[in-house]
């Protein structure tokens, strides 16, 4: 016997239409139209097999509590820039100094070398897709860091990373505190974009949010 209910959405659309078939033996025209007019938002979900109430839009609020350990540099530690790349860097602090030194010196290759493999690959892919991206980045560094000094403000241990916050000094206005995350990459501390997928996390680490609400 032919299973006239069929499978998938056609079967469920027929059920929704009371199980009726057209006189020609196919699925009722109303059922076909129901399938063709499924809202895009529901396309990713299957339909209920049995009778339900009409759908309702719902929402909930999630509050995340992030636990971390923090130390403050007392007083804030003034970083001395390096003259060029080093063979080895002692830890996250030295790597941050190297990265900022590369930006002040407008040394792009040195700057790339301070990032872990995933971050470096991401920047190199962006540069390959946009020939002007590198020049724009260098121009921003020249404008933001020429004549500036940097000081370390906080050391934060968070999710197997070390997050260092720092502030540029020497401009007309007080610069905001910035954060950079570091993680071990093949046994070496490197800057990472590990906090980037969750911008709320970086705002929290930078001290600009008491909590994150989704």
C-alpha atoms as a PDB file:
ATOM      1  CA  UNK A   1       0.000   0.000   0.000  1.00  0.00           C
ATOM      2  CA  UNK A   2       1.248   3.468  -0.839  1.00  0.00           C
ATOM      3  CA  UNK A   3       1.992   5.600   2.208  1.00  0.00           C
ATOM      4  CA  UNK A   4       0.009   8.656   1.153  1.00  0.00           C
ATOM      5  CA  UNK A   5       1.157  10.628   4.175  1.00  0.00           C
ATOM      6  CA  UNK A   6       4.657  10.714   2.697  1.00  0.00           C
ATOM      7  CA  UNK A   7       7.642  11.902   4.701  1.00  0.00           C
ATOM      8  CA  UNK A   8       9.141  15.124   6.050  1.00  0.00           C
ATOM      9  CA  UNK A   9       7.356  18.433   5.715  1.00  0.00           C
ATOM     10  CA  UNK A  10       4.871  17.244   3.100  1.00  0.00           C
ATOM     11  CA  UNK A  11       3.632  14.596   5.562  1.00  0.00           C
ATOM     12  CA  UNK A  12       3.317  17.096   8.386  1.00  0.00           C
ATOM     13  CA  UNK A  13       1.640  19.664   6.127  1.00  0.00           C
ATOM     14  CA  UNK A  14      -0.926  17.039   5.171  1.00  0.00           C
ATOM     15  CA  UNK A  15      -1.550  16.243   8.832  1.00  0.00           C
ATOM     16  CA  UNK A  16      -2.030  19.946   9.488  1.00  0.00           C
ATOM     17  CA  UNK A  17      -4.613  19.976   6.691  1.00  0.00           C
ATOM     18  CA  UNK A  18      -6.626  17.209   8.307  1.00  0.00           C
ATOM     19  CA  UNK A  19      -5.099  14.412   6.228  1.00  0.00           C
ATOM     20  CA  UNK A  20      -7.093  15.291   3.076  1.00  0.00           C
ATOM     21  CA  UNK A  21      -5.878  14.498  -0.418  1.00  0.00           C
ATOM     22  CA  UNK A  22      -6.909  16.134  -3.641  1.00  0.00           C
ATOM     23  CA  UNK A  23      -9.158  14.235  -5.999  1.00  0.00           C
ATOM     24  CA  UNK A  24      -6.178  13.613  -8.296  1.00  0.00           C
ATOM     25  CA  UNK A  25      -4.420  11.600  -5.590  1.00  0.00           C
ATOM     26  CA  UNK A  26      -1.766  14.220  -4.679  1.00  0.00           C
ATOM     27  CA  UNK A  27      -1.404  16.239  -1.531  1.00  0.00           C
ATOM     28  CA  UNK A  28      -4.108  18.833  -1.058  1.00  0.00           C
ATOM     29  CA  UNK A  29      -3.308  22.217  -2.621  1.00  0.00           C
ATOM     30  CA  UNK A  30      -3.705  23.902   0.749  1.00  0.00           C
ATOM     31  CA  UNK A  31      -1.037  21.642   2.210  1.00  0.00           C
ATOM     32  CA  UNK A  32       1.372  22.487  -0.619  1.00  0.00           C
ATOM     33  CA  UNK A  33       0.807  26.205  -0.097  1.00  0.00           C
ATOM     34  CA  UNK A  34       1.438  25.747   3.625  1.00  0.00           C
ATOM     35  CA  UNK A  35       4.833  24.215   2.877  1.00  0.00           C
ATOM     36  CA  UNK A  36       5.750  26.955   0.401  1.00  0.00           C
ATOM     37  CA  UNK A  37       4.875  29.738   2.828  1.00  0.00           C
ATOM     38  CA  UNK A  38       6.909  28.546   5.825  1.00  0.00           C
ATOM     39  CA  UNK A  39       8.507  31.632   7.460  1.00  0.00           C
ATOM     40  CA  UNK A  40      12.284  31.783   6.985  1.00  0.00           C
ATOM     41  CA  UNK A  41      12.807  31.958  10.754  1.00  0.00           C
ATOM     42  CA  UNK A  42      11.232  28.518  11.235  1.00  0.00           C
ATOM     43  CA  UNK A  43      13.024  26.869   8.312  1.00  0.00           C
ATOM     44  CA  UNK A  44      15.816  25.651  10.562  1.00  0.00           C
ATOM     45  CA  UNK A  45      13.386  23.691  12.775  1.00  0.00           C
ATOM     46  CA  UNK A  46      11.148  20.701  12.175  1.00  0.00           C
ATOM     47  CA  UNK A  47       7.406  20.950  12.639  1.00  0.00           C
ATOM     48  CA  UNK A  48       5.496  19.316  15.524  1.00  0.00           C
ATOM     49  CA  UNK A  49       3.833  16.030  14.633  1.00  0.00           C
ATOM     50  CA  UNK A  50       0.726  16.790  16.701  1.00  0.00           C
ATOM     51  CA  UNK A  51      -1.586  19.700  17.439  1.00  0.00           C
ATOM     52  CA  UNK A  52      -0.019  22.659  19.273  1.00  0.00           C
ATOM     53  CA  UNK A  53      -0.956  26.154  20.303  1.00  0.00           C
ATOM     54  CA  UNK A  54       0.103  29.033  18.023  1.00  0.00           C
ATOM     55  CA  UNK A  55       3.789  29.959  18.404  1.00  0.00           C
ATOM     56  CA  UNK A  56       4.745  32.732  20.826  1.00  0.00           C
ATOM     57  CA  UNK A  57       7.959  34.776  20.875  1.00  0.00           C
ATOM     58  CA  UNK A  58       9.807  34.399  24.192  1.00  0.00           C
ATOM     59  CA  UNK A  59      12.981  35.801  25.709  1.00  0.00           C
ATOM     60  CA  UNK A  60      15.083  35.395  28.814  1.00  0.00           C
ATOM     61  CA  UNK A  61      17.993  37.288  30.347  1.00  0.00           C
ATOM     62  CA  UNK A  62      21.252  35.544  31.191  1.00  0.00           C
ATOM     63  CA  UNK A  63      23.671  37.112  33.667  1.00  0.00           C
ATOM     64  CA  UNK A  64      27.204  35.734  33.506  1.00  0.00           C
ATOM     65  CA  UNK A  65      29.533  35.934  36.477  1.00  0.00           C
ATOM     66  CA  UNK A  66      33.175  35.793  35.393  1.00  0.00           C
ATOM     67  CA  UNK A  67      35.771  34.812  37.967  1.00  0.00           C
ATOM     68  CA  UNK A  68      39.348  36.023  37.649  1.00  0.00           C
ATOM     69  CA  UNK A  69      42.362  36.970  39.750  1.00  0.00           C
ATOM     70  CA  UNK A  70      43.664  40.507  39.541  1.00  0.00           C
ATOM     71  CA  UNK A  71      46.800  42.285  40.688  1.00  0.00           C
ATOM     72  CA  UNK A  72      47.433  45.990  40.270  1.00  0.00           C
ATOM     73  CA  UNK A  73      50.838  47.418  39.496  1.00  0.00           C
ATOM     74  CA  UNK A  74      51.611  49.785  42.355  1.00  0.00           C
ATOM     75  CA  UNK A  75      52.535  52.259  41.124  1.00  0.00           C
ATOM     76  CA  UNK A  76      51.668  51.685  37.436  1.00  0.00           C
ATOM     77  CA  UNK A  77      54.823  50.355  35.782  1.00  0.00           C
ATOM     78  CA  UNK A  78      56.290  52.506  33.028  1.00  0.00           C
ATOM     79  CA  UNK A  79      57.391  50.292  30.143  1.00  0.00           C
ATOM     80  CA  UNK A  80      60.593  51.030  28.263  1.00  0.00           C
ATOM     81  CA  UNK A  81      60.262  50.269  24.558  1.00  0.00           C
ATOM     82  CA  UNK A  82      62.616  47.840  22.839  1.00  0.00           C
ATOM     83  CA  UNK A  83      64.854  48.812  19.939  1.00  0.00           C
ATOM     84  CA  UNK A  84      64.113  45.694  17.948  1.00  0.00           C
ATOM     85  CA  UNK A  85      62.911  42.067  18.033  1.00  0.00           C
ATOM     86  CA  UNK A  86      64.426  39.738  20.624  1.00  0.00           C
ATOM     87  CA  UNK A  87      65.175  36.034  20.290  1.00  0.00           C
ATOM     88  CA  UNK A  88      63.271  35.229  23.490  1.00  0.00           C
ATOM     89  CA  UNK A  89      60.724  37.042  25.638  1.00  0.00           C
ATOM     90  CA  UNK A  90      60.508  36.288  29.346  1.00  0.00           C
ATOM     91  CA  UNK A  91      56.725  36.310  29.650  1.00  0.00           C
ATOM     92  CA  UNK A  92      53.496  38.194  28.907  1.00  0.00           C
ATOM     93  CA  UNK A  93      54.880  41.533  30.105  1.00  0.00           C
ATOM     94  CA  UNK A  94      57.914  41.334  27.811  1.00  0.00           C
ATOM     95  CA  UNK A  95      55.699  40.280  24.903  1.00  0.00           C
ATOM     96  CA  UNK A  96      53.400  43.256  25.464  1.00  0.00           C
ATOM     97  CA  UNK A  97      56.418  45.579  25.506  1.00  0.00           C
ATOM     98  CA  UNK A  98      57.591  43.985  22.247  1.00  0.00           C
ATOM     99  CA  UNK A  99      54.194  44.438  20.604  1.00  0.00           C
ATOM    100  CA  UNK A 100      53.864  48.082  21.623  1.00  0.00           C
ATOM    101  CA  UNK A 101      57.471  48.727  20.604  1.00  0.00           C
ATOM    102  CA  UNK A 102      56.743  47.259  17.163  1.00  0.00           C
ATOM    103  CA  UNK A 103      53.704  49.508  16.792  1.00  0.00           C
ATOM    104  CA  UNK A 104      55.665  52.622  17.767  1.00  0.00           C
ATOM    105  CA  UNK A 105      58.440  51.646  15.344  1.00  0.00           C
ATOM    106  CA  UNK A 106      55.867  50.898  12.598  1.00  0.00           C
ATOM    107  CA  UNK A 107      57.506  47.481  12.204  1.00  0.00           C
ATOM    108  CA  UNK A 108      54.666  45.360  10.843  1.00  0.00           C
ATOM    109  CA  UNK A 109      56.500  42.030  10.614  1.00  0.00           C
ATOM    110  CA  UNK A 110      57.712  42.342  14.199  1.00  0.00           C
ATOM    111  CA  UNK A 111      54.175  43.135  15.313  1.00  0.00           C
ATOM    112  CA  UNK A 112      52.824  40.054  13.508  1.00  0.00           C
ATOM    113  CA  UNK A 113      55.414  37.903  15.253  1.00  0.00           C
ATOM    114  CA  UNK A 114      54.015  38.857  18.672  1.00  0.00           C
ATOM    115  CA  UNK A 115      50.693  37.104  17.937  1.00  0.00           C
ATOM    116  CA  UNK A 116      49.903  33.420  18.289  1.00  0.00           C
ATOM    117  CA  UNK A 117      49.429  31.285  15.172  1.00  0.00           C
ATOM    118  CA  UNK A 118      45.644  31.688  14.994  1.00  0.00           C
ATOM    119  CA  UNK A 119      45.731  35.472  15.331  1.00  0.00           C
ATOM    120  CA  UNK A 120      48.610  35.863  12.898  1.00  0.00           C
ATOM    121  CA  UNK A 121      46.793  33.767  10.300  1.00  0.00           C
ATOM    122  CA  UNK A 122      43.689  35.916  10.732  1.00  0.00           C
ATOM    123  CA  UNK A 123      45.599  39.170  10.204  1.00  0.00           C
ATOM    124  CA  UNK A 124      47.497  37.784   7.218  1.00  0.00           C
ATOM    125  CA  UNK A 125      44.237  36.617   5.619  1.00  0.00           C
ATOM    126  CA  UNK A 126      42.697  40.067   6.161  1.00  0.00           C
ATOM    127  CA  UNK A 127      45.738  41.733   4.602  1.00  0.00           C
ATOM    128  CA  UNK A 128      45.579  39.402   1.589  1.00  0.00           C
ATOM    129  CA  UNK A 129      41.911  40.239   1.069  1.00  0.00           C
ATOM    130  CA  UNK A 130      42.445  43.993   1.384  1.00  0.00           C
ATOM    131  CA  UNK A 131      45.716  45.425   0.096  1.00  0.00           C
ATOM    132  CA  UNK A 132      45.158  48.706   1.942  1.00  0.00           C
ATOM    133  CA  UNK A 133      44.520  47.104   5.354  1.00  0.00           C
ATOM    134  CA  UNK A 134      48.192  47.056   6.332  1.00  0.00           C
ATOM    135  CA  UNK A 135      48.715  50.710   5.398  1.00  0.00           C
ATOM    136  CA  UNK A 136      45.630  51.785   7.341  1.00  0.00           C
ATOM    137  CA  UNK A 137      46.845  49.945  10.411  1.00  0.00           C
ATOM    138  CA  UNK A 138      50.274  51.558  10.200  1.00  0.00           C
ATOM    139  CA  UNK A 139      48.665  54.980   9.824  1.00  0.00           C
ATOM    140  CA  UNK A 140      46.593  54.431  12.965  1.00  0.00           C
ATOM    141  CA  UNK A 141      49.680  53.414  14.939  1.00  0.00           C
ATOM    142  CA  UNK A 142      51.592  56.481  13.783  1.00  0.00           C
ATOM    143  CA  UNK A 143      48.767  58.782  14.842  1.00  0.00           C
ATOM    144  CA  UNK A 144      48.043  57.067  18.161  1.00  0.00           C
ATOM    145  CA  UNK A 145      51.496  56.138  19.466  1.00  0.00           C
ATOM    146  CA  UNK A 146      54.041  58.627  18.184  1.00  0.00           C
ATOM    147  CA  UNK A 147      55.648  60.298  21.209  1.00  0.00           C
ATOM    148  CA  UNK A 148      53.651  58.199  23.678  1.00  0.00           C
ATOM    149  CA  UNK A 149      54.861  56.133  26.630  1.00  0.00           C
ATOM    150  CA  UNK A 150      53.036  53.172  28.102  1.00  0.00           C
ATOM    151  CA  UNK A 151      52.388  52.002  31.615  1.00  0.00           C
ATOM    152  CA  UNK A 152      51.120  48.683  32.951  1.00  0.00           C
ATOM    153  CA  UNK A 153      48.033  48.963  35.136  1.00  0.00           C
ATOM    154  CA  UNK A 154      46.745  45.458  35.955  1.00  0.00           C
ATOM    155  CA  UNK A 155      47.757  41.786  35.700  1.00  0.00           C
ATOM    156  CA  UNK A 156      44.713  39.503  35.354  1.00  0.00           C
ATOM    157  CA  UNK A 157      44.597  35.708  35.320  1.00  0.00           C
ATOM    158  CA  UNK A 158      41.550  34.559  33.411  1.00  0.00           C
ATOM    159  CA  UNK A 159      40.636  31.262  31.737  1.00  0.00           C
ATOM    160  CA  UNK A 160      44.230  29.984  31.374  1.00  0.00           C
ATOM    161  CA  UNK A 161      45.272  33.338  29.958  1.00  0.00           C
ATOM    162  CA  UNK A 162      47.051  36.362  31.314  1.00  0.00           C
ATOM    163  CA  UNK A 163      45.366  39.646  30.486  1.00  0.00           C
ATOM    164  CA  UNK A 164      47.487  42.777  30.845  1.00  0.00           C
ATOM    165  CA  UNK A 165      45.889  46.195  30.914  1.00  0.00           C
ATOM    166  CA  UNK A 166      47.897  49.251  29.969  1.00  0.00           C
ATOM    167  CA  UNK A 167      47.502  52.927  29.264  1.00  0.00           C
ATOM    168  CA  UNK A 168      49.240  55.259  26.834  1.00  0.00           C
ATOM    169  CA  UNK A 169      50.667  58.426  28.387  1.00  0.00           C
ATOM    170  CA  UNK A 170      51.885  61.676  26.903  1.00  0.00           C
ATOM    171  CA  UNK A 171      48.879  62.944  24.963  1.00  0.00           C
ATOM    172  CA  UNK A 172      46.718  65.948  25.669  1.00  0.00           C
ATOM    173  CA  UNK A 173      43.972  63.792  27.135  1.00  0.00           C
ATOM    174  CA  UNK A 174      44.105  60.783  29.420  1.00  0.00           C
ATOM    175  CA  UNK A 175      43.983  57.643  27.304  1.00  0.00           C
ATOM    176  CA  UNK A 176      41.566  54.859  28.263  1.00  0.00           C
ATOM    177  CA  UNK A 177      42.841  51.642  29.758  1.00  0.00           C
ATOM    178  CA  UNK A 178      43.302  48.922  27.168  1.00  0.00           C
ATOM    179  CA  UNK A 179      43.573  45.149  27.553  1.00  0.00           C
ATOM    180  CA  UNK A 180      45.623  42.535  25.731  1.00  0.00           C
ATOM    181  CA  UNK A 181      45.299  38.788  26.309  1.00  0.00           C
ATOM    182  CA  UNK A 182      48.245  36.388  26.217  1.00  0.00           C
ATOM    183  CA  UNK A 183      48.343  32.602  26.058  1.00  0.00           C
ATOM    184  CA  UNK A 184      50.980  29.916  25.660  1.00  0.00           C
ATOM    185  CA  UNK A 185      51.564  28.914  22.042  1.00  0.00           C
ATOM    186  CA  UNK A 186      54.057  26.067  21.587  1.00  0.00           C
ATOM    187  CA  UNK A 187      55.575  26.923  24.960  1.00  0.00           C
ATOM    188  CA  UNK A 188      55.919  30.668  24.290  1.00  0.00           C
ATOM    189  CA  UNK A 189      53.732  33.499  25.538  1.00  0.00           C
ATOM    190  CA  UNK A 190      52.025  35.214  22.607  1.00  0.00           C
ATOM    191  CA  UNK A 191      49.276  37.777  22.239  1.00  0.00           C
ATOM    192  CA  UNK A 192      45.966  36.121  21.375  1.00  0.00           C
ATOM    193  CA  UNK A 193      42.559  37.103  20.092  1.00  0.00           C
ATOM    194  CA  UNK A 194      41.025  34.577  22.475  1.00  0.00           C
ATOM    195  CA  UNK A 195      38.732  37.200  24.015  1.00  0.00           C
ATOM    196  CA  UNK A 196      37.591  38.561  20.666  1.00  0.00           C
ATOM    197  CA  UNK A 197      34.580  36.283  20.062  1.00  0.00           C
ATOM    198  CA  UNK A 198      32.998  37.645  23.226  1.00  0.00           C
ATOM    199  CA  UNK A 199      33.445  41.433  23.246  1.00  0.00           C
ATOM    200  CA  UNK A 200      31.505  41.600  26.481  1.00  0.00           C
ATOM    201  CA  UNK A 201      34.302  39.701  28.169  1.00  0.00           C
ATOM    202  CA  UNK A 202      36.927  42.210  27.106  1.00  0.00           C
ATOM    203  CA  UNK A 203      34.744  45.085  28.339  1.00  0.00           C
ATOM    204  CA  UNK A 204      34.432  43.345  31.675  1.00  0.00           C
ATOM    205  CA  UNK A 205      38.183  42.780  31.912  1.00  0.00           C
ATOM    206  CA  UNK A 206      38.818  46.432  31.067  1.00  0.00           C
ATOM    207  CA  UNK A 207      36.652  47.426  34.015  1.00  0.00           C
ATOM    208  CA  UNK A 208      33.904  49.071  31.982  1.00  0.00           C
ATOM    209  CA  UNK A 209      31.068  46.712  32.964  1.00  0.00           C
ATOM    210  CA  UNK A 210      29.901  45.283  36.249  1.00  0.00           C
ATOM    211  CA  UNK A 211      28.079  42.450  34.545  1.00  0.00           C
ATOM    212  CA  UNK A 212      27.231  41.149  31.089  1.00  0.00           C
ATOM    213  CA  UNK A 213      23.599  40.652  30.153  1.00  0.00           C
ATOM    214  CA  UNK A 214      22.532  38.645  27.133  1.00  0.00           C
END
